[in-house]
């Protein structure tokens, strides 16, 4: 697993890890997925090199709050509406570190 800075993140990367600060979290919305209806929210995270969107699903939404410094492990990167976003699958982990 590679520890990255946000500026180094590229579309298509997988199994990445990074540390960042949560600076914004959107309203939770309900979307239909192949697994049924799921709650999702978008967080904006930043480090000293930049900002990127982090997609939070279900339990992940209430696990972090604005101002938290988080560690993300096992994530992958996609592009949605022309913006890169970090996604953490069930096998990955989001942890508050301070």
C-alpha atoms as a PDB file:
ATOM      1  CA  UNK A   1       0.000   0.000   0.000  1.00  0.00           C
ATOM      2  CA  UNK A   2       1.331   3.408  -0.967  1.00  0.00           C
ATOM      3  CA  UNK A   3       1.078   6.426   1.368  1.00  0.00           C
ATOM      4  CA  UNK A   4       0.251   9.348  -0.917  1.00  0.00           C
ATOM      5  CA  UNK A   5      -0.168  13.095  -0.813  1.00  0.00           C
ATOM      6  CA  UNK A   6      -3.323  14.455  -2.443  1.00  0.00           C
ATOM      7  CA  UNK A   7      -1.317  16.145  -5.245  1.00  0.00           C
ATOM      8  CA  UNK A   8      -0.004  12.700  -6.291  1.00  0.00           C
ATOM      9  CA  UNK A   9      -3.420  11.035  -6.575  1.00  0.00           C
ATOM     10  CA  UNK A  10      -4.447   9.991 -10.098  1.00  0.00           C
ATOM     11  CA  UNK A  11      -7.592   8.421 -11.547  1.00  0.00           C
ATOM     12  CA  UNK A  12      -7.525   4.623 -11.502  1.00  0.00           C
ATOM     13  CA  UNK A  13      -5.174   4.229  -8.531  1.00  0.00           C
ATOM     14  CA  UNK A  14      -6.124   1.543  -6.028  1.00  0.00           C
ATOM     15  CA  UNK A  15      -5.087   0.269  -2.614  1.00  0.00           C
ATOM     16  CA  UNK A  16      -3.779   3.701  -1.639  1.00  0.00           C
ATOM     17  CA  UNK A  17      -3.480   5.219   1.799  1.00  0.00           C
ATOM     18  CA  UNK A  18      -3.319   8.844   2.843  1.00  0.00           C
ATOM     19  CA  UNK A  19      -3.791  11.178   5.771  1.00  0.00           C
ATOM     20  CA  UNK A  20      -5.866  14.333   5.460  1.00  0.00           C
ATOM     21  CA  UNK A  21      -8.099  16.745   7.315  1.00  0.00           C
ATOM     22  CA  UNK A  22     -11.877  16.801   6.772  1.00  0.00           C
ATOM     23  CA  UNK A  23     -12.872  20.361   5.858  1.00  0.00           C
ATOM     24  CA  UNK A  24     -16.436  19.874   4.645  1.00  0.00           C
ATOM     25  CA  UNK A  25     -19.155  17.197   4.603  1.00  0.00           C
ATOM     26  CA  UNK A  26     -22.234  17.435   2.383  1.00  0.00           C
ATOM     27  CA  UNK A  27     -25.794  16.575   3.353  1.00  0.00           C
ATOM     28  CA  UNK A  28     -26.451  12.831   3.334  1.00  0.00           C
ATOM     29  CA  UNK A  29     -28.510  11.626   0.408  1.00  0.00           C
ATOM     30  CA  UNK A  30     -30.037   8.294  -0.468  1.00  0.00           C
ATOM     31  CA  UNK A  31     -29.060   6.687  -3.768  1.00  0.00           C
ATOM     32  CA  UNK A  32     -30.034   3.476  -5.507  1.00  0.00           C
ATOM     33  CA  UNK A  33     -27.088   1.123  -6.047  1.00  0.00           C
ATOM     34  CA  UNK A  34     -26.804  -2.469  -7.179  1.00  0.00           C
ATOM     35  CA  UNK A  35     -26.936  -3.325  -3.451  1.00  0.00           C
ATOM     36  CA  UNK A  36     -30.224  -1.454  -2.949  1.00  0.00           C
ATOM     37  CA  UNK A  37     -30.758   1.974  -1.387  1.00  0.00           C
ATOM     38  CA  UNK A  38     -27.684   3.348   0.387  1.00  0.00           C
ATOM     39  CA  UNK A  39     -26.878   6.600   2.154  1.00  0.00           C
ATOM     40  CA  UNK A  40     -23.966   8.589   0.766  1.00  0.00           C
ATOM     41  CA  UNK A  41     -22.276  11.909   1.556  1.00  0.00           C
ATOM     42  CA  UNK A  42     -19.306  13.704   0.052  1.00  0.00           C
ATOM     43  CA  UNK A  43     -16.502  14.997   2.227  1.00  0.00           C
ATOM     44  CA  UNK A  44     -13.843  17.434   1.119  1.00  0.00           C
ATOM     45  CA  UNK A  45     -10.452  16.515   2.543  1.00  0.00           C
ATOM     46  CA  UNK A  46      -7.130  18.331   2.308  1.00  0.00           C
ATOM     47  CA  UNK A  47      -3.458  18.017   3.097  1.00  0.00           C
ATOM     48  CA  UNK A  48      -0.579  20.418   2.490  1.00  0.00           C
ATOM     49  CA  UNK A  49      -0.579  19.567  -1.250  1.00  0.00           C
ATOM     50  CA  UNK A  50      -4.262  19.983  -2.161  1.00  0.00           C
ATOM     51  CA  UNK A  51      -7.897  18.979  -1.752  1.00  0.00           C
ATOM     52  CA  UNK A  52      -9.948  16.038  -3.011  1.00  0.00           C
ATOM     53  CA  UNK A  53     -13.442  14.657  -2.586  1.00  0.00           C
ATOM     54  CA  UNK A  54     -13.959  11.600  -0.369  1.00  0.00           C
ATOM     55  CA  UNK A  55     -17.117   9.532  -0.809  1.00  0.00           C
ATOM     56  CA  UNK A  56     -18.607   8.364   2.492  1.00  0.00           C
ATOM     57  CA  UNK A  57     -21.076   5.458   2.526  1.00  0.00           C
ATOM     58  CA  UNK A  58     -23.459   4.333   5.279  1.00  0.00           C
ATOM     59  CA  UNK A  59     -21.546   3.975   8.597  1.00  0.00           C
ATOM     60  CA  UNK A  60     -18.581   5.965   7.280  1.00  0.00           C
ATOM     61  CA  UNK A  61     -20.773   9.119   7.231  1.00  0.00           C
ATOM     62  CA  UNK A  62     -21.099   9.384  11.008  1.00  0.00           C
ATOM     63  CA  UNK A  63     -17.588   8.079  11.690  1.00  0.00           C
ATOM     64  CA  UNK A  64     -15.934  11.378  10.723  1.00  0.00           C
ATOM     65  CA  UNK A  65     -16.684  15.050  11.268  1.00  0.00           C
ATOM     66  CA  UNK A  66     -15.381  18.383  10.004  1.00  0.00           C
ATOM     67  CA  UNK A  67     -12.040  19.144  11.619  1.00  0.00           C
ATOM     68  CA  UNK A  68     -11.041  15.490  12.068  1.00  0.00           C
ATOM     69  CA  UNK A  69      -7.634  14.367  10.852  1.00  0.00           C
ATOM     70  CA  UNK A  70      -8.179  10.982   9.235  1.00  0.00           C
ATOM     71  CA  UNK A  71      -6.146   8.081   7.962  1.00  0.00           C
ATOM     72  CA  UNK A  72      -7.503   6.296   4.884  1.00  0.00           C
ATOM     73  CA  UNK A  73      -6.262   2.847   3.894  1.00  0.00           C
ATOM     74  CA  UNK A  74      -7.119   0.569   0.957  1.00  0.00           C
ATOM     75  CA  UNK A  75      -8.872   3.294  -1.048  1.00  0.00           C
ATOM     76  CA  UNK A  76      -9.298   3.634  -4.805  1.00  0.00           C
ATOM     77  CA  UNK A  77      -9.683   6.688  -7.031  1.00  0.00           C
ATOM     78  CA  UNK A  78     -12.420   7.396  -9.577  1.00  0.00           C
ATOM     79  CA  UNK A  79     -13.586  10.410 -11.543  1.00  0.00           C
ATOM     80  CA  UNK A  80     -17.157  11.650 -11.070  1.00  0.00           C
ATOM     81  CA  UNK A  81     -18.524  14.804 -12.733  1.00  0.00           C
ATOM     82  CA  UNK A  82     -15.011  15.760 -13.869  1.00  0.00           C
ATOM     83  CA  UNK A  83     -13.605  15.620 -10.333  1.00  0.00           C
ATOM     84  CA  UNK A  84     -11.349  13.001  -8.778  1.00  0.00           C
ATOM     85  CA  UNK A  85     -12.721  11.289  -5.719  1.00  0.00           C
ATOM     86  CA  UNK A  86     -11.382   8.862  -3.166  1.00  0.00           C
ATOM     87  CA  UNK A  87     -13.565   5.842  -2.375  1.00  0.00           C
ATOM     88  CA  UNK A  88     -13.062   3.455   0.534  1.00  0.00           C
ATOM     89  CA  UNK A  89     -14.462  -0.040  -0.092  1.00  0.00           C
ATOM     90  CA  UNK A  90     -15.633  -2.417   2.662  1.00  0.00           C
ATOM     91  CA  UNK A  91     -12.129  -3.883   2.711  1.00  0.00           C
ATOM     92  CA  UNK A  92     -10.638  -0.423   3.315  1.00  0.00           C
ATOM     93  CA  UNK A  93     -10.545   1.684   6.443  1.00  0.00           C
ATOM     94  CA  UNK A  94     -11.165   5.270   7.547  1.00  0.00           C
ATOM     95  CA  UNK A  95      -9.807   6.103  10.967  1.00  0.00           C
ATOM     96  CA  UNK A  96      -9.843   9.346  12.942  1.00  0.00           C
ATOM     97  CA  UNK A  97      -6.308  10.034  14.174  1.00  0.00           C
ATOM     98  CA  UNK A  98      -6.878  13.332  15.994  1.00  0.00           C
END
